[in-house]
Amino acid sequence: MTKRGIPTSGLREQLADEAARLIRDHGIKDYGLAKRKAAARFGVSSAGALPSNSEVEACVLERQRLFDDGDDALRLAELRRIAVELMAVLDTFEPRLAGPVLTGAMSASANLELHVFTDAAEEVIAVLQERGIRFRNYQRRYRFNGGSDVIVPGFRCLVRGEHVFAMTFPEKGLRQAPMSPIDGRPMRRADHAKVLALIGAS
């Protein structure tokens, strides 16, 4: 039992749901920040009472199922359509969709994350320029199996009002996904055909 008289399991569920509300409705992308804000609201100081990121993600998906007025589903479908279009443009680099647009557990400010694979990032630049896609250089830190952090370069652009991040991994990176910040396992990735199937299923 906690000092508030709520069983630990029940408190974890409440904290997970509150964190999910903050992520879904307020655009918080950092699960750790959402959990800390939820804990502060409930007056919880024990880190042991906090839910896992996977529990929070499950609550995000459940909230979307229960409270979506159609806008979330429409935006998710649009983001996946954008992903399919860009994956076709970047087909040479075996693109994969990753992140919340793949899982569906999106915040109000979720971005589209693509992983492309090449040992020559300038080739990606050439394709983007050829297609008239305006972009800026970008980099993001990923953690890989074994605990090592690697800064991965990439590009960000705006497509139909949505922010897209195309991260350029070396060719061998296709076989070794970075670790998911949600569950600590290799990130889920989907190729062009799988994303098309997701769109069809929705």
C-alpha atoms as a PDB file:
ATOM      1  CA  MET A   1       0.000   0.000   0.000  1.00  0.00           C
ATOM      2  CA  THR A   2       1.109   3.581  -0.558  1.00  0.00           C
ATOM      3  CA  LYS A   3       0.822   6.406   1.940  1.00  0.00           C
ATOM      4  CA  ARG A   4      -2.293   7.546   0.073  1.00  0.00           C
ATOM      5  CA  GLY A   5      -3.923   4.203   0.756  1.00  0.00           C
ATOM      6  CA  ILE A   6      -3.978   3.179  -2.899  1.00  0.00           C
ATOM      7  CA  PRO A   7      -2.604  -0.283  -3.708  1.00  0.00           C
ATOM      8  CA  THR A   8       0.662   0.000  -5.640  1.00  0.00           C
ATOM      9  CA  SER A   9      -0.808  -1.767  -8.667  1.00  0.00           C
ATOM     10  CA  GLY A  10      -3.770   0.625  -8.747  1.00  0.00           C
ATOM     11  CA  LEU A  11      -1.499   3.626  -8.366  1.00  0.00           C
ATOM     12  CA  ARG A  12       0.692   2.452 -11.239  1.00  0.00           C
ATOM     13  CA  GLU A  13      -2.395   2.198 -13.437  1.00  0.00           C
ATOM     14  CA  GLN A  14      -3.494   5.720 -12.490  1.00  0.00           C
ATOM     15  CA  LEU A  15      -0.026   7.113 -13.119  1.00  0.00           C
ATOM     16  CA  ALA A  16       0.199   5.311 -16.465  1.00  0.00           C
ATOM     17  CA  ASP A  17      -3.177   6.690 -17.520  1.00  0.00           C
ATOM     18  CA  GLU A  18      -2.296  10.229 -16.448  1.00  0.00           C
ATOM     19  CA  ALA A  19       1.056  10.050 -18.253  1.00  0.00           C
ATOM     20  CA  ALA A  20      -0.768   8.779 -21.347  1.00  0.00           C
ATOM     21  CA  ARG A  21      -3.193  11.708 -21.141  1.00  0.00           C
ATOM     22  CA  LEU A  22      -0.292  14.148 -21.026  1.00  0.00           C
ATOM     23  CA  ILE A  23       1.353  12.464 -24.006  1.00  0.00           C
ATOM     24  CA  ARG A  24      -1.782  12.226 -26.111  1.00  0.00           C
ATOM     25  CA  ASP A  25      -3.452  15.516 -25.282  1.00  0.00           C
ATOM     26  CA  HIS A  26      -0.517  17.802 -24.480  1.00  0.00           C
ATOM     27  CA  GLY A  27       2.041  16.612 -27.003  1.00  0.00           C
ATOM     28  CA  ILE A  28       4.666  15.447 -24.509  1.00  0.00           C
ATOM     29  CA  LYS A  29       7.030  13.097 -26.342  1.00  0.00           C
ATOM     30  CA  ASP A  30       9.335  12.186 -23.459  1.00  0.00           C
ATOM     31  CA  TYR A  31       7.746   9.314 -21.539  1.00  0.00           C
ATOM     32  CA  GLY A  32       9.993   9.959 -18.544  1.00  0.00           C
ATOM     33  CA  LEU A  33       8.837  13.582 -18.340  1.00  0.00           C
ATOM     34  CA  ALA A  34       5.189  12.535 -18.653  1.00  0.00           C
ATOM     35  CA  LYS A  35       5.606  10.030 -15.819  1.00  0.00           C
ATOM     36  CA  ARG A  36       7.300  12.591 -13.575  1.00  0.00           C
ATOM     37  CA  LYS A  37       4.511  15.110 -14.202  1.00  0.00           C
ATOM     38  CA  ALA A  38       1.916  12.429 -13.461  1.00  0.00           C
ATOM     39  CA  ALA A  39       3.730  11.508 -10.249  1.00  0.00           C
ATOM     40  CA  ALA A  40       3.849  15.140  -9.177  1.00  0.00           C
ATOM     41  CA  ARG A  41       0.110  15.488  -9.726  1.00  0.00           C
ATOM     42  CA  PHE A  42      -0.583  12.449  -7.533  1.00  0.00           C
ATOM     43  CA  GLY A  43       1.966  13.453  -4.917  1.00  0.00           C
ATOM     44  CA  VAL A  44       4.100  10.370  -5.541  1.00  0.00           C
ATOM     45  CA  SER A  45       7.809  10.583  -4.814  1.00  0.00           C
ATOM     46  CA  SER A  46       8.780   6.905  -5.008  1.00  0.00           C
ATOM     47  CA  ALA A  47      10.336   5.930  -8.333  1.00  0.00           C
ATOM     48  CA  GLY A  48       9.282   2.353  -7.622  1.00  0.00           C
ATOM     49  CA  ALA A  49       5.634   3.331  -8.044  1.00  0.00           C
ATOM     50  CA  LEU A  50       6.149   4.626 -11.574  1.00  0.00           C
ATOM     51  CA  PRO A  51       4.796   2.527 -14.450  1.00  0.00           C
ATOM     52  CA  SER A  52       7.018   1.250 -17.224  1.00  0.00           C
ATOM     53  CA  ASN A  53       7.117   2.994 -20.587  1.00  0.00           C
ATOM     54  CA  SER A  54       5.357  -0.030 -22.087  1.00  0.00           C
ATOM     55  CA  GLU A  55       2.485   0.380 -19.614  1.00  0.00           C
ATOM     56  CA  VAL A  56       2.195   4.044 -20.549  1.00  0.00           C
ATOM     57  CA  GLU A  57       2.252   3.246 -24.264  1.00  0.00           C
ATOM     58  CA  ALA A  58      -0.561   0.717 -23.761  1.00  0.00           C
ATOM     59  CA  CYS A  59      -2.609   3.446 -22.053  1.00  0.00           C
ATOM     60  CA  VAL A  60      -1.918   5.869 -24.922  1.00  0.00           C
ATOM     61  CA  LEU A  61      -3.301   3.320 -27.378  1.00  0.00           C
ATOM     62  CA  GLU A  62      -6.308   2.629 -25.140  1.00  0.00           C
ATOM     63  CA  ARG A  63      -7.074   6.343 -24.791  1.00  0.00           C
ATOM     64  CA  GLN A  64      -6.938   6.733 -28.551  1.00  0.00           C
ATOM     65  CA  ARG A  65      -9.373   3.837 -28.918  1.00  0.00           C
ATOM     66  CA  LEU A  66     -11.768   5.256 -26.334  1.00  0.00           C
ATOM     67  CA  PHE A  67     -11.610   8.985 -26.951  1.00  0.00           C
ATOM     68  CA  ASP A  68     -10.677   9.454 -30.600  1.00  0.00           C
ATOM     69  CA  ASP A  69     -13.296  11.564 -32.362  1.00  0.00           C
ATOM     70  CA  GLY A  70     -11.817  10.568 -35.702  1.00  0.00           C
ATOM     71  CA  ASP A  71      -9.136  13.240 -35.904  1.00  0.00           C
ATOM     72  CA  ASP A  72      -6.388  11.020 -34.470  1.00  0.00           C
ATOM     73  CA  ALA A  73      -7.140   8.219 -36.898  1.00  0.00           C
ATOM     74  CA  LEU A  74      -7.227  10.632 -39.839  1.00  0.00           C
ATOM     75  CA  ARG A  75      -3.887  12.182 -38.880  1.00  0.00           C
ATOM     76  CA  LEU A  76      -2.278   8.781 -38.335  1.00  0.00           C
ATOM     77  CA  ALA A  77      -3.474   7.638 -41.755  1.00  0.00           C
ATOM     78  CA  GLU A  78      -2.174  10.842 -43.351  1.00  0.00           C
ATOM     79  CA  LEU A  79       1.234  10.446 -41.704  1.00  0.00           C
ATOM     80  CA  ARG A  80       1.439   6.870 -42.925  1.00  0.00           C
ATOM     81  CA  ARG A  81       0.512   7.987 -46.439  1.00  0.00           C
ATOM     82  CA  ILE A  82       3.291  10.580 -46.325  1.00  0.00           C
ATOM     83  CA  ALA A  83       5.640   7.848 -45.128  1.00  0.00           C
ATOM     84  CA  VAL A  84       4.695   5.624 -48.067  1.00  0.00           C
ATOM     85  CA  GLU A  85       5.282   8.464 -50.535  1.00  0.00           C
ATOM     86  CA  LEU A  86       8.701   9.319 -49.111  1.00  0.00           C
ATOM     87  CA  MET A  87       9.690   5.669 -48.844  1.00  0.00           C
ATOM     88  CA  ALA A  88       9.008   5.341 -52.564  1.00  0.00           C
ATOM     89  CA  VAL A  89      11.215   8.381 -53.233  1.00  0.00           C
ATOM     90  CA  LEU A  90      13.987   6.952 -51.039  1.00  0.00           C
ATOM     91  CA  ASP A  91      13.525   3.357 -52.179  1.00  0.00           C
ATOM     92  CA  THR A  92      17.219   3.018 -53.092  1.00  0.00           C
ATOM     93  CA  PHE A  93      18.092   3.290 -49.408  1.00  0.00           C
ATOM     94  CA  GLU A  94      15.721   0.550 -48.160  1.00  0.00           C
ATOM     95  CA  PRO A  95      13.710   2.932 -45.958  1.00  0.00           C
ATOM     96  CA  ARG A  96      11.888   1.787 -42.840  1.00  0.00           C
ATOM     97  CA  LEU A  97       9.200   3.517 -40.818  1.00  0.00           C
ATOM     98  CA  ALA A  98       9.830   3.640 -37.065  1.00  0.00           C
ATOM     99  CA  GLY A  99       8.476   5.387 -33.994  1.00  0.00           C
ATOM    100  CA  PRO A 100       4.937   6.385 -33.003  1.00  0.00           C
ATOM    101  CA  VAL A 101       3.604   6.644 -36.559  1.00  0.00           C
ATOM    102  CA  LEU A 102       4.351   2.930 -36.869  1.00  0.00           C
ATOM    103  CA  THR A 103       3.059   1.853 -33.450  1.00  0.00           C
ATOM    104  CA  GLY A 104       0.083   4.223 -33.516  1.00  0.00           C
ATOM    105  CA  ALA A 105       0.786   5.496 -29.975  1.00  0.00           C
ATOM    106  CA  MET A 106       1.030   9.123 -31.043  1.00  0.00           C
ATOM    107  CA  SER A 107       1.195  12.343 -29.103  1.00  0.00           C
ATOM    108  CA  ALA A 108      -0.458  15.489 -30.387  1.00  0.00           C
ATOM    109  CA  SER A 109       2.918  16.575 -31.756  1.00  0.00           C
ATOM    110  CA  ALA A 110       4.236  13.238 -33.037  1.00  0.00           C
ATOM    111  CA  ASN A 111       6.691  13.389 -35.913  1.00  0.00           C
ATOM    112  CA  LEU A 112       7.304  10.948 -38.731  1.00  0.00           C
ATOM    113  CA  GLU A 113      10.554   9.002 -38.360  1.00  0.00           C
ATOM    114  CA  LEU A 114      12.132   7.169 -41.274  1.00  0.00           C
ATOM    115  CA  HIS A 115      15.357   5.170 -41.192  1.00  0.00           C
ATOM    116  CA  VAL A 116      17.362   4.978 -44.416  1.00  0.00           C
ATOM    117  CA  PHE A 117      20.515   2.972 -44.979  1.00  0.00           C
ATOM    118  CA  THR A 118      23.563   4.127 -46.886  1.00  0.00           C
ATOM    119  CA  ASP A 119      27.287   4.562 -46.421  1.00  0.00           C
ATOM    120  CA  ALA A 120      27.132   7.745 -48.496  1.00  0.00           C
ATOM    121  CA  ALA A 121      24.698  10.279 -47.023  1.00  0.00           C
ATOM    122  CA  GLU A 122      25.365  12.645 -49.929  1.00  0.00           C
ATOM    123  CA  GLU A 123      23.401  10.241 -52.123  1.00  0.00           C
ATOM    124  CA  VAL A 124      20.319  10.876 -49.985  1.00  0.00           C
ATOM    125  CA  ILE A 125      20.909  14.608 -50.383  1.00  0.00           C
ATOM    126  CA  ALA A 126      21.057  14.213 -54.156  1.00  0.00           C
ATOM    127  CA  VAL A 127      17.706  12.404 -54.235  1.00  0.00           C
ATOM    128  CA  LEU A 128      16.019  14.971 -52.007  1.00  0.00           C
ATOM    129  CA  GLN A 129      17.345  17.831 -54.111  1.00  0.00           C
ATOM    130  CA  GLU A 130      16.322  16.127 -57.336  1.00  0.00           C
ATOM    131  CA  ARG A 131      12.765  15.845 -56.022  1.00  0.00           C
ATOM    132  CA  GLY A 132      12.738  19.464 -54.870  1.00  0.00           C
ATOM    133  CA  ILE A 133      12.369  18.511 -51.216  1.00  0.00           C
ATOM    134  CA  ARG A 134      13.725  21.229 -48.968  1.00  0.00           C
ATOM    135  CA  PHE A 135      15.544  19.873 -45.926  1.00  0.00           C
ATOM    136  CA  ARG A 136      17.889  20.726 -43.103  1.00  0.00           C
ATOM    137  CA  ASN A 137      20.624  18.655 -41.531  1.00  0.00           C
ATOM    138  CA  TYR A 138      19.632  17.007 -38.287  1.00  0.00           C
ATOM    139  CA  GLN A 139      21.053  14.509 -35.839  1.00  0.00           C
ATOM    140  CA  ARG A 140      19.612  12.307 -33.127  1.00  0.00           C
ATOM    141  CA  ARG A 141      21.119  10.181 -30.382  1.00  0.00           C
ATOM    142  CA  TYR A 142      20.247   6.477 -30.365  1.00  0.00           C
ATOM    143  CA  ARG A 143      21.209   3.738 -27.940  1.00  0.00           C
ATOM    144  CA  PHE A 144      22.313   0.392 -29.301  1.00  0.00           C
ATOM    145  CA  ASN A 145      22.527  -3.051 -27.773  1.00  0.00           C
ATOM    146  CA  GLY A 146      25.326  -3.066 -25.264  1.00  0.00           C
ATOM    147  CA  GLY A 147      24.512   0.404 -23.970  1.00  0.00           C
ATOM    148  CA  SER A 148      26.526   2.471 -26.406  1.00  0.00           C
ATOM    149  CA  ASP A 149      25.048   5.804 -27.536  1.00  0.00           C
ATOM    150  CA  VAL A 150      25.575   6.843 -31.139  1.00  0.00           C
ATOM    151  CA  ILE A 151      24.736  10.157 -32.776  1.00  0.00           C
ATOM    152  CA  VAL A 152      23.077   9.393 -36.105  1.00  0.00           C
ATOM    153  CA  PRO A 153      22.958  12.103 -38.778  1.00  0.00           C
ATOM    154  CA  GLY A 154      19.929  12.720 -40.914  1.00  0.00           C
ATOM    155  CA  PHE A 155      17.607  15.260 -42.448  1.00  0.00           C
ATOM    156  CA  ARG A 156      14.401  16.974 -41.438  1.00  0.00           C
ATOM    157  CA  CYS A 157      11.817  18.398 -43.754  1.00  0.00           C
ATOM    158  CA  LEU A 158       8.223  19.570 -43.779  1.00  0.00           C
ATOM    159  CA  VAL A 159       5.713  17.644 -45.879  1.00  0.00           C
ATOM    160  CA  ARG A 160       2.098  18.831 -45.981  1.00  0.00           C
ATOM    161  CA  GLY A 161       2.598  20.545 -42.649  1.00  0.00           C
ATOM    162  CA  GLU A 162       4.072  17.476 -40.939  1.00  0.00           C
ATOM    163  CA  HIS A 163       7.636  17.224 -39.660  1.00  0.00           C
ATOM    164  CA  VAL A 164       9.578  14.335 -41.158  1.00  0.00           C
ATOM    165  CA  PHE A 165      12.939  13.070 -39.914  1.00  0.00           C
ATOM    166  CA  ALA A 166      14.962  10.793 -42.202  1.00  0.00           C
ATOM    167  CA  MET A 167      17.827   9.327 -40.202  1.00  0.00           C
ATOM    168  CA  THR A 168      20.743   7.884 -42.178  1.00  0.00           C
ATOM    169  CA  PHE A 169      22.169   4.672 -40.749  1.00  0.00           C
ATOM    170  CA  PRO A 170      25.076   2.771 -42.324  1.00  0.00           C
ATOM    171  CA  GLU A 171      24.057  -0.071 -44.620  1.00  0.00           C
ATOM    172  CA  LYS A 172      24.836  -2.654 -41.948  1.00  0.00           C
ATOM    173  CA  GLY A 173      22.409  -0.793 -39.660  1.00  0.00           C
ATOM    174  CA  LEU A 174      19.527  -2.498 -41.434  1.00  0.00           C
ATOM    175  CA  ARG A 175      20.376  -5.609 -39.434  1.00  0.00           C
ATOM    176  CA  GLN A 176      20.835  -3.864 -36.085  1.00  0.00           C
ATOM    177  CA  ALA A 177      18.047  -1.557 -34.949  1.00  0.00           C
ATOM    178  CA  PRO A 178      18.683   0.879 -32.118  1.00  0.00           C
ATOM    179  CA  MET A 179      16.986   0.203 -28.807  1.00  0.00           C
ATOM    180  CA  SER A 180      13.469   1.500 -28.296  1.00  0.00           C
ATOM    181  CA  PRO A 181      13.132   4.107 -25.526  1.00  0.00           C
ATOM    182  CA  ILE A 182       9.765   2.508 -24.750  1.00  0.00           C
ATOM    183  CA  ASP A 183      10.677  -1.080 -23.926  1.00  0.00           C
ATOM    184  CA  GLY A 184      14.468  -1.267 -24.321  1.00  0.00           C
ATOM    185  CA  ARG A 185      14.175  -3.774 -27.158  1.00  0.00           C
ATOM    186  CA  PRO A 186      15.282  -3.261 -30.769  1.00  0.00           C
ATOM    187  CA  MET A 187      13.005  -0.691 -32.374  1.00  0.00           C
ATOM    188  CA  ARG A 188      10.216  -1.963 -34.562  1.00  0.00           C
ATOM    189  CA  ARG A 189      10.665  -1.020 -38.199  1.00  0.00           C
ATOM    190  CA  ALA A 190       8.361  -1.496 -41.180  1.00  0.00           C
ATOM    191  CA  ASP A 191       9.186  -1.512 -44.863  1.00  0.00           C
ATOM    192  CA  HIS A 192       7.087  -0.006 -47.655  1.00  0.00           C
ATOM    193  CA  ALA A 193       4.857  -3.069 -48.045  1.00  0.00           C
ATOM    194  CA  LYS A 194       4.104  -3.300 -44.321  1.00  0.00           C
ATOM    195  CA  VAL A 195       3.156   0.372 -44.101  1.00  0.00           C
ATOM    196  CA  LEU A 196       0.852  -0.037 -47.086  1.00  0.00           C
ATOM    197  CA  ALA A 197      -0.740  -2.985 -45.276  1.00  0.00           C
ATOM    198  CA  LEU A 198      -1.254  -0.841 -42.158  1.00  0.00           C
ATOM    199  CA  ILE A 199      -3.001   1.807 -44.244  1.00  0.00           C
ATOM    200  CA  GLY A 200      -5.189  -0.829 -45.849  1.00  0.00           C
ATOM    201  CA  ALA A 201      -6.069  -2.361 -42.494  1.00  0.00           C
ATOM    202  CA  SER A 202      -7.147   1.002 -41.100  1.00  0.00           C
END
